[in-house]
Amino acid sequence: MNVTFISMLLGGFIILASAWMYFSGGAKIQGTMLDLTAQNKISRYFSKQFMTGSWQFQKAKFDDGEVNIFISIPQKLSMNEKELESYIKLY
């Protein structure tokens, strides 16, 4: 057997395996949900972080492998949109 034939055979196998994973639903591993215990721990953690002060924890939303924390603030922050987006993502 020559190297070209083996390379083509291996390439075909990789393509078939990739197609199988994509169409069988195995490609959506990143969208796994946290179990209820973990969700409750995360919600409790953030609710304790905002017990004092003027910022208040509203809710935690768990969607498609993401955790979104919603915080209510008493007044608008004096930042432009780009600064505000950077501030929220950093902290």
N, C-alpha and C. Protein backbone atom coordinates (compact mmCIF):
# COMPACT_ATOMS: atom_id res chain seq x y z
N MET A 1 0.85 -1.19 0.00
CA MET A 1 0.00 0.00 0.00
C MET A 1 0.89 1.24 0.00
N ASN A 2 0.45 2.22 -0.71
CA ASN A 2 1.26 3.43 -0.69
C ASN A 2 0.66 4.48 0.25
N VAL A 3 1.43 5.48 0.55
CA VAL A 3 1.06 6.50 1.53
C VAL A 3 -0.15 7.31 1.09
N THR A 4 -0.29 7.56 -0.19
CA THR A 4 -1.43 8.34 -0.70
C THR A 4 -2.74 7.63 -0.40
N PHE A 5 -2.80 6.35 -0.64
CA PHE A 5 -4.02 5.58 -0.40
C PHE A 5 -4.38 5.59 1.09
N ILE A 6 -3.40 5.40 1.95
CA ILE A 6 -3.64 5.39 3.39
C ILE A 6 -4.11 6.77 3.86
N SER A 7 -3.50 7.83 3.32
CA SER A 7 -3.90 9.19 3.68
C SER A 7 -5.34 9.47 3.27
N MET A 8 -5.71 9.03 2.07
CA MET A 8 -7.08 9.23 1.60
C MET A 8 -8.07 8.44 2.45
N LEU A 9 -7.71 7.23 2.80
CA LEU A 9 -8.57 6.40 3.63
C LEU A 9 -8.76 7.03 5.01
N LEU A 10 -7.69 7.52 5.60
CA LEU A 10 -7.77 8.17 6.90
C LEU A 10 -8.59 9.45 6.82
N GLY A 11 -8.39 10.24 5.76
CA GLY A 11 -9.17 11.47 5.57
C GLY A 11 -10.65 11.18 5.44
N GLY A 12 -11.00 10.14 4.69
CA GLY A 12 -12.40 9.75 4.53
C GLY A 12 -13.01 9.32 5.85
N PHE A 13 -12.24 8.59 6.64
CA PHE A 13 -12.74 8.16 7.95
C PHE A 13 -13.00 9.37 8.85
N ILE A 14 -12.10 10.34 8.83
CA ILE A 14 -12.28 11.54 9.66
C ILE A 14 -13.52 12.31 9.23
N ILE A 15 -13.74 12.43 7.93
CA ILE A 15 -14.93 13.12 7.43
C ILE A 15 -16.20 12.39 7.85
N LEU A 16 -16.23 11.07 7.71
CA LEU A 16 -17.41 10.29 8.11
C LEU A 16 -17.66 10.39 9.61
N ALA A 17 -16.58 10.32 10.41
CA ALA A 17 -16.74 10.42 11.85
C ALA A 17 -17.26 11.80 12.25
N SER A 18 -16.77 12.84 11.60
CA SER A 18 -17.24 14.20 11.88
C SER A 18 -18.71 14.37 11.52
N ALA A 19 -19.10 13.84 10.36
CA ALA A 19 -20.50 13.91 9.95
C ALA A 19 -21.39 13.15 10.92
N TRP A 20 -20.94 11.99 11.35
CA TRP A 20 -21.70 11.19 12.31
C TRP A 20 -21.93 11.98 13.60
N MET A 21 -20.89 12.59 14.14
CA MET A 21 -21.00 13.36 15.37
C MET A 21 -21.94 14.55 15.18
N TYR A 22 -21.84 15.22 14.04
CA TYR A 22 -22.68 16.39 13.79
C TYR A 22 -24.15 16.02 13.69
N PHE A 23 -24.46 15.01 12.91
CA PHE A 23 -25.86 14.65 12.68
C PHE A 23 -26.47 13.82 13.80
N SER A 24 -25.65 13.22 14.65
CA SER A 24 -26.21 12.45 15.76
C SER A 24 -26.44 13.30 17.00
N GLY A 25 -26.07 14.58 16.93
CA GLY A 25 -26.29 15.48 18.06
C GLY A 25 -25.11 15.53 19.01
N GLY A 26 -24.06 14.84 18.74
CA GLY A 26 -22.89 14.85 19.61
C GLY A 26 -22.11 16.14 19.53
N ALA A 27 -22.41 16.98 18.56
CA ALA A 27 -21.67 18.24 18.40
C ALA A 27 -22.13 19.30 19.40
N LYS A 28 -23.22 19.07 20.12
CA LYS A 28 -23.75 20.08 21.02
C LYS A 28 -23.35 19.79 22.47
N ILE A 29 -22.13 19.42 22.68
CA ILE A 29 -21.65 19.14 24.02
C ILE A 29 -21.59 20.42 24.85
N GLN A 30 -21.26 21.54 24.23
CA GLN A 30 -21.14 22.79 24.96
C GLN A 30 -22.45 23.27 25.56
N GLY A 31 -23.58 22.80 25.09
CA GLY A 31 -24.86 23.26 25.56
C GLY A 31 -25.41 22.48 26.74
N THR A 32 -24.57 21.75 27.46
CA THR A 32 -25.06 20.97 28.58
C THR A 32 -25.49 21.90 29.71
N MET A 33 -26.52 21.48 30.43
CA MET A 33 -27.05 22.29 31.53
C MET A 33 -26.42 21.86 32.84
N LEU A 34 -26.30 22.80 33.74
CA LEU A 34 -25.86 22.49 35.10
C LEU A 34 -26.99 21.79 35.83
N ASP A 35 -26.64 20.90 36.74
CA ASP A 35 -27.69 20.26 37.52
C ASP A 35 -28.28 21.27 38.51
N LEU A 36 -29.42 20.95 39.05
CA LEU A 36 -30.16 21.87 39.91
C LEU A 36 -29.36 22.26 41.16
N THR A 37 -28.60 21.34 41.71
CA THR A 37 -27.79 21.63 42.90
C THR A 37 -26.76 22.72 42.58
N ALA A 38 -26.07 22.59 41.46
CA ALA A 38 -25.07 23.59 41.06
C ALA A 38 -25.73 24.94 40.78
N GLN A 39 -26.89 24.93 40.15
CA GLN A 39 -27.61 26.18 39.89
C GLN A 39 -27.97 26.88 41.20
N ASN A 40 -28.44 26.11 42.17
CA ASN A 40 -28.80 26.69 43.47
C ASN A 40 -27.59 27.26 44.18
N LYS A 41 -26.45 26.57 44.11
CA LYS A 41 -25.22 27.06 44.75
C LYS A 41 -24.78 28.38 44.12
N ILE A 42 -24.84 28.47 42.81
CA ILE A 42 -24.46 29.70 42.11
C ILE A 42 -25.40 30.84 42.50
N SER A 43 -26.69 30.58 42.52
CA SER A 43 -27.67 31.61 42.90
C SER A 43 -27.44 32.08 44.33
N ARG A 44 -27.20 31.15 45.25
CA ARG A 44 -26.94 31.52 46.65
C ARG A 44 -25.67 32.34 46.78
N TYR A 45 -24.63 31.96 46.05
CA TYR A 45 -23.37 32.69 46.11
C TYR A 45 -23.58 34.15 45.72
N PHE A 46 -24.23 34.38 44.59
CA PHE A 46 -24.42 35.75 44.13
C PHE A 46 -25.42 36.52 44.99
N SER A 47 -26.41 35.86 45.54
CA SER A 47 -27.36 36.58 46.40
C SER A 47 -26.65 37.06 47.67
N LYS A 48 -25.68 36.29 48.17
CA LYS A 48 -24.91 36.71 49.35
C LYS A 48 -23.96 37.86 49.02
N GLN A 49 -23.45 37.90 47.80
CA GLN A 49 -22.53 38.96 47.40
C GLN A 49 -23.22 40.32 47.36
N PHE A 50 -24.52 40.33 47.16
CA PHE A 50 -25.24 41.59 47.00
C PHE A 50 -26.29 41.79 48.10
N MET A 51 -26.04 41.26 49.30
CA MET A 51 -26.98 41.42 50.40
C MET A 51 -26.93 42.84 50.97
N THR A 52 -25.76 43.41 51.04
CA THR A 52 -25.63 44.77 51.56
C THR A 52 -25.29 45.70 50.40
N GLY A 53 -25.56 46.96 50.58
CA GLY A 53 -25.28 47.92 49.52
C GLY A 53 -26.51 48.16 48.66
N SER A 54 -26.33 49.00 47.67
CA SER A 54 -27.47 49.39 46.85
C SER A 54 -27.67 48.49 45.62
N TRP A 55 -26.67 47.71 45.25
CA TRP A 55 -26.83 46.78 44.14
C TRP A 55 -27.50 45.52 44.67
N GLN A 56 -28.51 45.01 43.96
CA GLN A 56 -29.28 43.86 44.42
C GLN A 56 -29.30 42.75 43.36
N PHE A 57 -29.07 41.53 43.83
CA PHE A 57 -29.16 40.36 42.97
C PHE A 57 -30.62 40.15 42.60
N GLN A 58 -30.90 39.98 41.30
CA GLN A 58 -32.27 39.73 40.84
C GLN A 58 -32.51 38.25 40.55
N LYS A 59 -31.67 37.69 39.68
CA LYS A 59 -31.85 36.28 39.31
C LYS A 59 -30.62 35.76 38.59
N ALA A 60 -30.53 34.47 38.52
CA ALA A 60 -29.51 33.79 37.72
C ALA A 60 -30.26 33.01 36.63
N LYS A 61 -29.81 33.12 35.42
CA LYS A 61 -30.45 32.45 34.29
C LYS A 61 -29.44 31.47 33.69
N PHE A 62 -29.83 30.22 33.55
CA PHE A 62 -28.96 29.16 33.05
C PHE A 62 -29.48 28.68 31.71
N ASP A 63 -28.80 29.07 30.63
CA ASP A 63 -29.23 28.72 29.28
C ASP A 63 -28.08 28.19 28.45
N ASP A 64 -28.28 27.08 27.80
CA ASP A 64 -27.38 26.60 26.75
C ASP A 64 -25.90 26.69 27.14
N GLY A 65 -25.58 26.23 28.33
CA GLY A 65 -24.19 26.23 28.76
C GLY A 65 -23.69 27.57 29.28
N GLU A 66 -24.55 28.55 29.40
CA GLU A 66 -24.18 29.87 29.90
C GLU A 66 -24.84 30.13 31.24
N VAL A 67 -24.16 30.95 32.05
CA VAL A 67 -24.74 31.41 33.31
C VAL A 67 -24.80 32.93 33.22
N ASN A 68 -25.99 33.49 33.30
CA ASN A 68 -26.18 34.93 33.27
C ASN A 68 -26.71 35.38 34.62
N ILE A 69 -26.03 36.35 35.23
CA ILE A 69 -26.43 36.88 36.53
C ILE A 69 -27.01 38.27 36.31
N PHE A 70 -28.19 38.52 36.85
CA PHE A 70 -28.86 39.80 36.69
C PHE A 70 -28.82 40.56 38.01
N ILE A 71 -28.27 41.77 37.95
CA ILE A 71 -28.11 42.62 39.12
C ILE A 71 -28.86 43.91 38.87
N SER A 72 -29.62 44.35 39.86
CA SER A 72 -30.34 45.62 39.78
C SER A 72 -29.49 46.69 40.46
N ILE A 73 -29.30 47.81 39.75
CA ILE A 73 -28.54 48.92 40.33
C ILE A 73 -29.48 50.12 40.46
N PRO A 74 -29.27 50.97 41.49
CA PRO A 74 -30.22 52.05 41.78
C PRO A 74 -30.21 53.18 40.76
N GLN A 75 -29.09 53.43 40.13
CA GLN A 75 -29.04 54.52 39.15
C GLN A 75 -28.10 54.16 38.01
N LYS A 76 -28.25 54.84 36.92
CA LYS A 76 -27.44 54.57 35.73
C LYS A 76 -25.98 54.91 36.01
N LEU A 77 -25.08 54.04 35.55
CA LEU A 77 -23.65 54.29 35.71
C LEU A 77 -23.20 55.35 34.71
N SER A 78 -22.30 56.21 35.13
CA SER A 78 -21.85 57.29 34.24
C SER A 78 -20.69 56.82 33.37
N MET A 79 -21.02 55.93 32.44
CA MET A 79 -20.06 55.39 31.48
C MET A 79 -20.73 55.33 30.12
N ASN A 80 -19.90 55.45 29.08
CA ASN A 80 -20.50 55.26 27.76
C ASN A 80 -20.72 53.76 27.53
N GLU A 81 -21.37 53.43 26.44
CA GLU A 81 -21.78 52.04 26.21
C GLU A 81 -20.58 51.08 26.15
N LYS A 82 -19.50 51.50 25.49
CA LYS A 82 -18.33 50.63 25.36
C LYS A 82 -17.66 50.41 26.72
N GLU A 83 -17.52 51.47 27.51
CA GLU A 83 -16.92 51.35 28.85
C GLU A 83 -17.78 50.46 29.74
N LEU A 84 -19.08 50.63 29.66
CA LEU A 84 -20.00 49.85 30.47
C LEU A 84 -19.92 48.36 30.11
N GLU A 85 -19.86 48.07 28.83
CA GLU A 85 -19.75 46.67 28.39
C GLU A 85 -18.45 46.04 28.90
N SER A 86 -17.35 46.77 28.82
CA SER A 86 -16.07 46.26 29.32
C SER A 86 -16.11 46.07 30.83
N TYR A 87 -16.73 47.00 31.54
CA TYR A 87 -16.83 46.93 32.99
C TYR A 87 -17.63 45.70 33.42
N ILE A 88 -18.73 45.47 32.77
CA ILE A 88 -19.60 44.34 33.13
C ILE A 88 -18.90 43.02 32.82
N LYS A 89 -18.22 42.92 31.69
CA LYS A 89 -17.54 41.67 31.34
C LYS A 89 -16.34 41.40 32.24
N LEU A 90 -15.68 42.44 32.72
CA LEU A 90 -14.51 42.25 33.58
C LEU A 90 -14.90 41.85 35.00
N TYR A 91 -15.93 42.42 35.49
CA TYR A 91 -16.29 42.20 36.89
C TYR A 91 -17.54 41.39 36.96
